[in-house]
């Protein structure tokens, strides 16, 4: 079977899922391919039960306006939608998940992972909670009050952690299924490092949730502040978790341990994200989930702006946002050049935090395309910049 035939066969599989009322969980079409303009900015599909019939609910978004319609299954034009100009597609079924990203040449890059999801067809789209607000660790870290209710001031943080876990679990299960991460056991637990853990909201959440999913794990939380280490260690003692959670007061770059399976970071500030990525690359960490924050490094280097980009950088807010985008794009490219499969995704709506991107990378040891290196070099040369991650790794 040729590569083209294989892609067509996989597209056939996508159509079958979207047309199947017993299998589709959710489908999302988003982004825009170069030189193409789909009618909508985003389309989301899901099954919905109305009276005794399961229909396909479509929600189409343009700007701040959305339009919802209910169709019979088999009536949605999946192939036409895929070819209309969307850049990214996510298709979730009860038995697997498919992601499609279209290249600049319009070729679909399709990745399939085996995972089980529960189909929900009710009107209430409120997501079930992964973390019980009454959980003792949520009270100890200050997200829940003594009565087991999420504090209003901590609701955004709670939602960020929940969405982080929603992305973590299928990716982790897929890597274990593929054999790139060993099957965790009490004798050989999953080894996790949380870079820049701060108040350890994510540290305790990941540890607790994985334990509930029967995934033994040991977590090391790193933050250079000694007061954070003391506070977090005291909480671990109260929760009787000190045999599986450890906190260290040290800089990420100076961390002396290795052999982690998973590296996580939630809003590692500015170049702390680069320190976390560099540490992970050097130690061959198998899976990374890192949410960047406060990009300043490249913005301070924007001096000799190549034409015609001065049209963008003369506007302060656009210059700042472009710096953010370029920073994370180059981080992703460096990861690919070191054998990682890498994606940058939105993990929570920007109404909860403006820092809502997540770098998700898995170590496959795939040989990078020579053009990937030439593109990286071309960008840094034309902009006269030196990304911090490249500097740390002495990579050029």
Protein backbone atom coordinates (compact mmCIF):
# COMPACT_ATOMS: atom_id res chain seq x y z
CA UNK A 1 0.00 0.00 0.00
CA UNK A 2 1.40 3.42 -0.97
CA UNK A 3 1.60 6.33 1.48
CA UNK A 4 -1.28 8.04 -0.36
CA UNK A 5 -3.41 4.91 -0.23
CA UNK A 6 -2.66 4.54 3.48
CA UNK A 7 -3.75 8.14 4.17
CA UNK A 8 -6.95 7.62 2.20
CA UNK A 9 -7.64 4.45 4.16
CA UNK A 10 -7.16 6.33 7.45
CA UNK A 11 -9.48 9.11 6.25
CA UNK A 12 -12.06 6.41 5.49
CA UNK A 13 -11.68 5.34 9.12
CA UNK A 14 -12.32 8.90 10.31
CA UNK A 15 -15.50 9.09 8.22
CA UNK A 16 -16.69 5.79 9.67
CA UNK A 17 -16.22 7.05 13.23
CA UNK A 18 -18.03 10.35 12.64
CA UNK A 19 -20.90 8.51 10.94
CA UNK A 20 -21.24 5.99 13.81
CA UNK A 21 -23.67 7.07 16.60
CA UNK A 22 -22.40 4.26 18.84
CA UNK A 23 -18.72 5.12 18.48
CA UNK A 24 -18.18 8.87 18.15
CA UNK A 25 -17.31 10.71 21.36
CA UNK A 26 -16.15 14.05 19.95
CA UNK A 27 -14.57 15.59 16.86
CA UNK A 28 -12.96 19.02 16.53
CA UNK A 29 -11.81 20.81 13.37
CA UNK A 30 -9.69 23.92 14.01
CA UNK A 31 -6.85 26.11 12.74
CA UNK A 32 -6.28 27.29 9.19
CA UNK A 33 -3.97 25.96 6.51
CA UNK A 34 -1.77 28.36 4.62
CA UNK A 35 -3.57 30.14 1.78
CA UNK A 36 -6.89 28.54 2.73
CA UNK A 37 -9.87 29.95 4.58
CA UNK A 38 -12.48 27.54 5.94
CA UNK A 39 -15.96 28.95 6.46
CA UNK A 40 -15.73 28.54 10.22
CA UNK A 41 -12.88 29.04 12.70
CA UNK A 42 -13.81 25.87 14.54
CA UNK A 43 -16.33 23.04 14.27
CA UNK A 44 -17.08 20.65 17.11
CA UNK A 45 -19.16 17.49 16.76
CA UNK A 46 -20.65 15.28 19.42
CA UNK A 47 -23.54 12.82 19.77
CA UNK A 48 -26.63 14.03 21.59
CA UNK A 49 -29.74 12.12 22.55
CA UNK A 50 -33.02 13.88 21.80
CA UNK A 51 -36.07 11.90 22.88
CA UNK A 52 -35.34 8.38 21.62
CA UNK A 53 -32.92 9.31 18.81
CA UNK A 54 -29.18 9.95 18.88
CA UNK A 55 -28.26 12.85 16.61
CA UNK A 56 -25.01 14.52 15.64
CA UNK A 57 -24.74 17.96 17.21
CA UNK A 58 -22.54 20.41 15.28
CA UNK A 59 -21.29 23.64 16.84
CA UNK A 60 -19.66 26.04 14.38
CA UNK A 61 -17.72 29.08 15.59
CA UNK A 62 -16.99 32.37 13.82
CA UNK A 63 -15.46 35.03 16.03
CA UNK A 64 -17.57 35.19 19.18
CA UNK A 65 -20.67 33.78 17.48
CA UNK A 66 -21.53 30.09 17.44
CA UNK A 67 -24.18 28.18 15.55
CA UNK A 68 -25.53 24.82 16.69
CA UNK A 69 -27.44 22.30 14.58
CA UNK A 70 -28.49 18.68 15.02
CA UNK A 71 -28.08 16.28 12.09
CA UNK A 72 -28.79 12.65 11.46
CA UNK A 73 -25.64 10.56 11.63
CA UNK A 74 -24.19 10.08 8.15
CA UNK A 75 -25.31 13.52 7.00
CA UNK A 76 -22.20 15.47 8.03
CA UNK A 77 -19.83 16.19 5.12
CA UNK A 78 -16.64 14.90 6.75
CA UNK A 79 -14.46 14.67 3.62
CA UNK A 80 -15.47 18.13 2.45
CA UNK A 81 -14.76 19.57 5.91
CA UNK A 82 -11.33 17.93 6.01
CA UNK A 83 -10.45 19.47 2.64
CA UNK A 84 -11.94 22.91 3.37
CA UNK A 85 -8.78 24.35 4.93
CA UNK A 86 -8.69 23.31 8.57
CA UNK A 87 -5.16 22.63 9.81
CA UNK A 88 -5.90 20.36 12.77
CA UNK A 89 -8.47 17.69 13.51
CA UNK A 90 -9.11 15.67 16.65
CA UNK A 91 -11.40 12.64 16.47
CA UNK A 92 -12.20 10.82 19.70
CA UNK A 93 -13.96 7.44 19.54
CA UNK A 94 -14.90 5.01 22.27
CA UNK A 95 -11.87 2.85 21.40
CA UNK A 96 -9.23 5.16 19.93
CA UNK A 97 -8.17 8.75 19.27
CA UNK A 98 -7.02 10.13 15.91
CA UNK A 99 -5.19 13.43 15.40
CA UNK A 100 -4.67 14.91 11.94
CA UNK A 101 -2.32 17.77 11.12
CA UNK A 102 -2.04 19.03 7.55
CA UNK A 103 1.40 20.02 6.28
CA UNK A 104 2.11 23.15 4.25
CA UNK A 105 1.72 20.99 1.12
CA UNK A 106 -1.69 19.89 2.29
CA UNK A 107 -0.64 16.34 3.14
CA UNK A 108 -2.36 14.85 6.22
CA UNK A 109 -0.11 13.61 9.02
CA UNK A 110 -2.25 11.14 10.94
CA UNK A 111 -1.52 9.71 14.38
CA UNK A 112 -3.69 7.07 16.04
CA UNK A 113 -3.55 6.06 19.70
CA UNK A 114 -5.54 3.33 21.42
CA UNK A 115 -7.57 4.60 24.37
CA UNK A 116 -11.01 4.01 25.83
CA UNK A 117 -13.47 6.87 26.27
CA UNK A 118 -17.06 6.95 27.46
CA UNK A 119 -19.64 8.39 25.10
CA UNK A 120 -21.91 11.02 26.65
CA UNK A 121 -25.10 12.02 24.85
CA UNK A 122 -26.84 14.21 27.43
CA UNK A 123 -27.54 17.94 27.04
CA UNK A 124 -25.41 18.69 30.10
CA UNK A 125 -21.90 19.12 28.77
CA UNK A 126 -20.39 19.76 32.19
CA UNK A 127 -17.26 17.63 32.38
CA UNK A 128 -17.10 15.09 35.14
CA UNK A 129 -14.48 15.99 37.69
CA UNK A 130 -11.30 13.98 37.82
CA UNK A 131 -10.36 15.26 41.25
CA UNK A 132 -12.90 15.12 44.06
CA UNK A 133 -12.91 18.61 45.66
CA UNK A 134 -13.18 16.84 49.02
CA UNK A 135 -9.85 15.09 48.45
CA UNK A 136 -7.55 15.67 51.40
CA UNK A 137 -4.59 16.82 49.32
CA UNK A 138 -6.69 19.59 47.74
CA UNK A 139 -7.51 20.87 51.22
CA UNK A 140 -3.89 20.70 52.34
CA UNK A 141 -2.51 22.63 49.35
CA UNK A 142 -5.26 25.25 49.69
CA UNK A 143 -7.40 24.63 46.62
CA UNK A 144 -10.41 23.34 48.61
CA UNK A 145 -11.77 24.69 51.86
CA UNK A 146 -12.34 22.62 54.99
CA UNK A 147 -15.82 21.62 53.77
CA UNK A 148 -14.43 20.16 50.55
CA UNK A 149 -15.48 23.00 48.24
CA UNK A 150 -13.22 24.61 45.65
CA UNK A 151 -12.28 28.08 46.84
CA UNK A 152 -13.53 30.73 44.37
CA UNK A 153 -10.04 32.23 44.18
CA UNK A 154 -8.59 28.81 43.26
CA UNK A 155 -11.17 27.70 40.71
CA UNK A 156 -9.02 28.62 37.69
CA UNK A 157 -6.04 26.75 39.15
CA UNK A 158 -8.25 23.72 39.83
CA UNK A 159 -9.52 23.72 36.24
CA UNK A 160 -5.98 24.09 34.86
CA UNK A 161 -4.84 21.03 36.81
CA UNK A 162 -7.88 19.01 35.71
CA UNK A 163 -7.29 19.81 32.04
CA UNK A 164 -3.61 18.99 32.45
CA UNK A 165 -4.62 15.55 33.76
CA UNK A 166 -7.07 15.04 30.88
CA UNK A 167 -4.20 15.45 28.44
CA UNK A 168 -1.71 13.49 30.53
CA UNK A 169 -3.66 10.26 30.88
CA UNK A 170 -4.32 9.28 27.24
CA UNK A 171 -0.81 10.30 26.21
CA UNK A 172 0.75 8.31 29.05
CA UNK A 173 -1.38 5.23 28.33
CA UNK A 174 -0.48 5.45 24.66
CA UNK A 175 3.26 5.58 25.44
CA UNK A 176 2.95 2.62 27.81
CA UNK A 177 0.96 0.69 25.20
CA UNK A 178 3.64 1.46 22.57
CA UNK A 179 6.36 0.20 24.91
CA UNK A 180 8.22 3.50 25.06
CA UNK A 181 7.40 3.75 28.77
CA UNK A 182 7.48 0.63 30.93
CA UNK A 183 4.36 -0.67 32.63
CA UNK A 184 4.56 0.89 36.11
CA UNK A 185 4.49 -1.44 39.10
CA UNK A 186 5.14 -1.09 42.85
CA UNK A 187 8.65 -2.45 42.21
CA UNK A 188 9.23 -0.16 39.21
CA UNK A 189 6.99 2.90 39.61
CA UNK A 190 6.61 5.65 37.05
CA UNK A 191 9.32 8.24 37.73
CA UNK A 192 8.12 11.83 37.49
CA UNK A 193 9.83 15.19 37.97
CA UNK A 194 7.88 18.45 38.38
CA UNK A 195 10.11 21.35 37.39
CA UNK A 196 9.44 24.66 39.14
CA UNK A 197 6.76 23.04 41.30
CA UNK A 198 6.05 26.14 43.41
CA UNK A 199 3.20 25.32 45.81
CA UNK A 200 3.05 21.79 44.36
CA UNK A 201 -0.58 21.91 43.25
CA UNK A 202 0.28 19.89 40.13
CA UNK A 203 2.80 17.68 41.94
CA UNK A 204 0.26 16.35 44.42
CA UNK A 205 -2.52 16.23 41.80
CA UNK A 206 -0.55 14.08 39.35
CA UNK A 207 0.70 11.78 42.09
CA UNK A 208 -2.75 11.38 43.66
CA UNK A 209 -4.64 10.87 40.39
CA UNK A 210 -2.18 8.33 39.00
CA UNK A 211 -2.37 6.37 42.24
CA UNK A 212 -6.15 6.34 41.92
CA UNK A 213 -5.71 4.94 38.41
CA UNK A 214 -3.52 2.12 39.78
CA UNK A 215 -0.36 3.64 38.30
CA UNK A 216 2.36 3.49 40.98
CA UNK A 217 4.58 6.56 40.78
CA UNK A 218 7.31 8.48 42.52
CA UNK A 219 7.48 12.24 42.11
CA UNK A 220 10.27 14.72 42.73
CA UNK A 221 9.21 18.36 42.93
CA UNK A 222 11.93 20.91 42.22
CA UNK A 223 11.82 24.58 43.14
CA UNK A 224 14.80 26.75 44.03
CA UNK A 225 13.00 28.33 46.98
CA UNK A 226 13.73 26.68 50.31
CA UNK A 227 10.45 27.91 51.80
CA UNK A 228 8.57 26.03 49.07
CA UNK A 229 10.48 22.86 49.85
CA UNK A 230 9.69 23.12 53.56
CA UNK A 231 6.00 23.87 52.97
CA UNK A 232 5.51 21.08 50.43
CA UNK A 233 7.45 18.53 52.47
CA UNK A 234 5.30 19.33 55.52
CA UNK A 235 2.17 18.65 53.45
CA UNK A 236 3.63 15.37 52.17
CA UNK A 237 4.31 14.35 55.78
CA UNK A 238 0.72 15.17 56.80
CA UNK A 239 -0.58 13.13 53.85
CA UNK A 240 1.87 10.31 54.64
CA UNK A 241 3.27 10.49 51.10
CA UNK A 242 6.95 10.96 51.85
CA UNK A 243 7.81 7.49 50.52
CA UNK A 244 6.58 8.51 47.03
CA UNK A 245 6.94 12.31 46.93
CA UNK A 246 10.15 14.24 47.50
CA UNK A 247 10.83 17.96 47.28
CA UNK A 248 14.16 19.61 46.57
CA UNK A 249 15.29 23.23 46.80
CA UNK A 250 17.60 23.62 43.83
CA UNK A 251 17.79 25.10 40.39
CA UNK A 252 16.49 22.94 37.57
CA UNK A 253 19.82 23.12 35.77
CA UNK A 254 21.62 21.84 38.90
CA UNK A 255 19.36 18.83 39.53
CA UNK A 256 21.65 15.87 40.08
CA UNK A 257 19.27 12.97 39.53
CA UNK A 258 18.24 11.38 36.23
CA UNK A 259 16.21 8.55 34.76
CA UNK A 260 12.79 10.21 34.84
CA UNK A 261 10.02 8.79 32.66
CA UNK A 262 7.89 11.92 32.71
CA UNK A 263 8.74 15.60 33.16
CA UNK A 264 5.98 18.11 33.90
CA UNK A 265 5.85 21.84 34.51
CA UNK A 266 2.88 24.15 34.90
CA UNK A 267 3.76 27.75 34.03
CA UNK A 268 7.52 27.50 34.40
CA UNK A 269 8.40 31.18 34.18
CA UNK A 270 10.39 32.53 31.20
CA UNK A 271 13.65 30.58 30.70
CA UNK A 272 12.77 28.12 33.49
CA UNK A 273 10.82 26.38 30.73
CA UNK A 274 14.04 26.13 28.72
CA UNK A 275 15.87 24.74 31.76
CA UNK A 276 13.16 22.09 32.15
CA UNK A 277 13.27 21.15 28.46
CA UNK A 278 17.08 21.08 28.38
CA UNK A 279 17.24 18.88 31.49
CA UNK A 280 14.71 16.52 29.94
CA UNK A 281 16.54 16.29 26.62
CA UNK A 282 19.89 15.66 28.29
CA UNK A 283 18.41 12.96 30.51
CA UNK A 284 16.40 11.32 27.71
CA UNK A 285 13.09 11.79 29.51
CA UNK A 286 10.50 9.78 27.64
CA UNK A 287 7.54 12.14 27.89
CA UNK A 288 7.17 15.88 28.51
CA UNK A 289 4.16 18.03 29.36
CA UNK A 290 5.30 21.62 29.87
CA UNK A 291 3.15 24.75 30.01
CA UNK A 292 5.35 27.82 29.31
CA UNK A 293 4.90 31.21 30.94
CA UNK A 294 6.26 34.78 30.68
CA UNK A 295 8.27 34.72 27.45
CA UNK A 296 10.89 37.48 27.52
CA UNK A 297 14.12 35.95 26.22
CA UNK A 298 13.66 36.44 22.47
CA UNK A 299 11.77 39.70 22.84
CA UNK A 300 14.87 41.31 24.37
CA UNK A 301 16.87 40.12 21.34
CA UNK A 302 14.59 41.67 18.70
CA UNK A 303 16.82 44.42 17.33
CA UNK A 304 17.72 43.78 13.71
CA UNK A 305 14.21 42.92 12.47
CA UNK A 306 14.23 41.30 9.02
CA UNK A 307 11.97 42.79 6.35
CA UNK A 308 9.02 42.83 6.10
CA UNK A 309 8.43 41.81 9.73
CA UNK A 310 8.78 45.38 10.98
CA UNK A 311 5.09 45.66 10.03
CA UNK A 312 4.41 43.35 12.98
CA UNK A 313 7.06 44.31 15.49
CA UNK A 314 6.39 48.05 15.36
CA UNK A 315 3.23 47.34 17.37
CA UNK A 316 4.20 46.55 20.96
CA UNK A 317 1.43 44.06 21.70
CA UNK A 318 1.97 42.23 18.39
CA UNK A 319 5.73 42.15 18.96
CA UNK A 320 5.16 40.58 22.36
CA UNK A 321 2.75 37.96 21.05
CA UNK A 322 4.95 37.16 18.08
CA UNK A 323 7.87 36.69 20.47
CA UNK A 324 5.79 34.19 22.43
CA UNK A 325 4.88 32.25 19.30
CA UNK A 326 8.41 32.23 17.91
CA UNK A 327 9.85 31.13 21.28
CA UNK A 328 7.61 28.09 21.54
CA UNK A 329 7.91 27.23 17.85
CA UNK A 330 11.71 27.09 18.16
CA UNK A 331 11.46 25.07 21.37
CA UNK A 332 9.30 22.52 19.55
CA UNK A 333 11.74 22.42 16.63
CA UNK A 334 14.70 21.79 18.95
CA UNK A 335 12.79 18.94 20.59
CA UNK A 336 12.12 17.38 17.17
CA UNK A 337 15.78 17.69 16.29
CA UNK A 338 16.59 15.69 19.41
CA UNK A 339 14.30 12.77 18.56
CA UNK A 340 11.00 13.90 20.09
CA UNK A 341 7.58 13.93 18.50
CA UNK A 342 6.26 17.31 19.58
CA UNK A 343 2.97 19.19 19.56
CA UNK A 344 1.90 22.55 20.95
CA UNK A 345 -1.73 22.49 21.99
CA UNK A 346 -4.23 24.57 23.96
CA UNK A 347 -4.99 22.82 27.23
CA UNK A 348 -7.55 25.22 28.71
CA UNK A 349 -9.59 28.20 27.53
CA UNK A 350 -7.96 31.61 27.78
CA UNK A 351 -10.78 32.80 30.04
CA UNK A 352 -9.00 30.83 32.80
CA UNK A 353 -5.43 31.88 31.99
CA UNK A 354 -3.74 33.68 29.08
CA UNK A 355 -0.86 31.18 29.43
CA UNK A 356 -2.87 28.29 28.06
CA UNK A 357 -0.49 26.49 25.72
CA UNK A 358 1.08 23.12 26.43
CA UNK A 359 4.18 21.56 24.88
CA UNK A 360 3.57 17.82 24.62
CA UNK A 361 6.55 15.72 23.52
CA UNK A 362 7.35 12.02 23.47
CA UNK A 363 10.77 10.54 22.83
CA UNK A 364 10.68 8.33 19.72
CA UNK A 365 14.34 8.67 18.65
CA UNK A 366 13.07 9.38 15.13
CA UNK A 367 15.76 10.74 12.81
CA UNK A 368 14.89 14.37 12.03
CA UNK A 369 14.46 15.57 8.48
CA UNK A 370 17.57 17.55 7.36
CA UNK A 371 15.22 20.34 6.32
CA UNK A 372 14.09 20.72 9.94
CA UNK A 373 17.61 21.75 10.93
CA UNK A 374 18.01 24.07 7.95
CA UNK A 375 14.68 25.78 8.75
CA UNK A 376 15.75 26.28 12.35
CA UNK A 377 19.09 27.78 11.31
CA UNK A 378 17.43 30.00 8.73
CA UNK A 379 15.06 31.53 11.30
CA UNK A 380 17.68 32.21 13.98
CA UNK A 381 20.05 33.66 11.38
CA UNK A 382 17.49 35.93 9.73
CA UNK A 383 16.32 37.27 13.12
CA UNK A 384 19.83 37.38 14.65
CA UNK A 385 18.61 35.55 17.74
CA UNK A 386 19.92 32.83 20.03
CA UNK A 387 17.09 30.86 21.74
CA UNK A 388 17.86 30.13 25.38
CA UNK A 389 17.19 26.40 24.91
CA UNK A 390 19.75 26.27 22.09
CA UNK A 391 22.22 28.17 24.27
CA UNK A 392 21.80 25.78 27.20
CA UNK A 393 22.24 22.73 24.95
CA UNK A 394 25.05 24.39 22.97
CA UNK A 395 22.98 23.57 19.90
CA UNK A 396 23.16 25.39 16.60
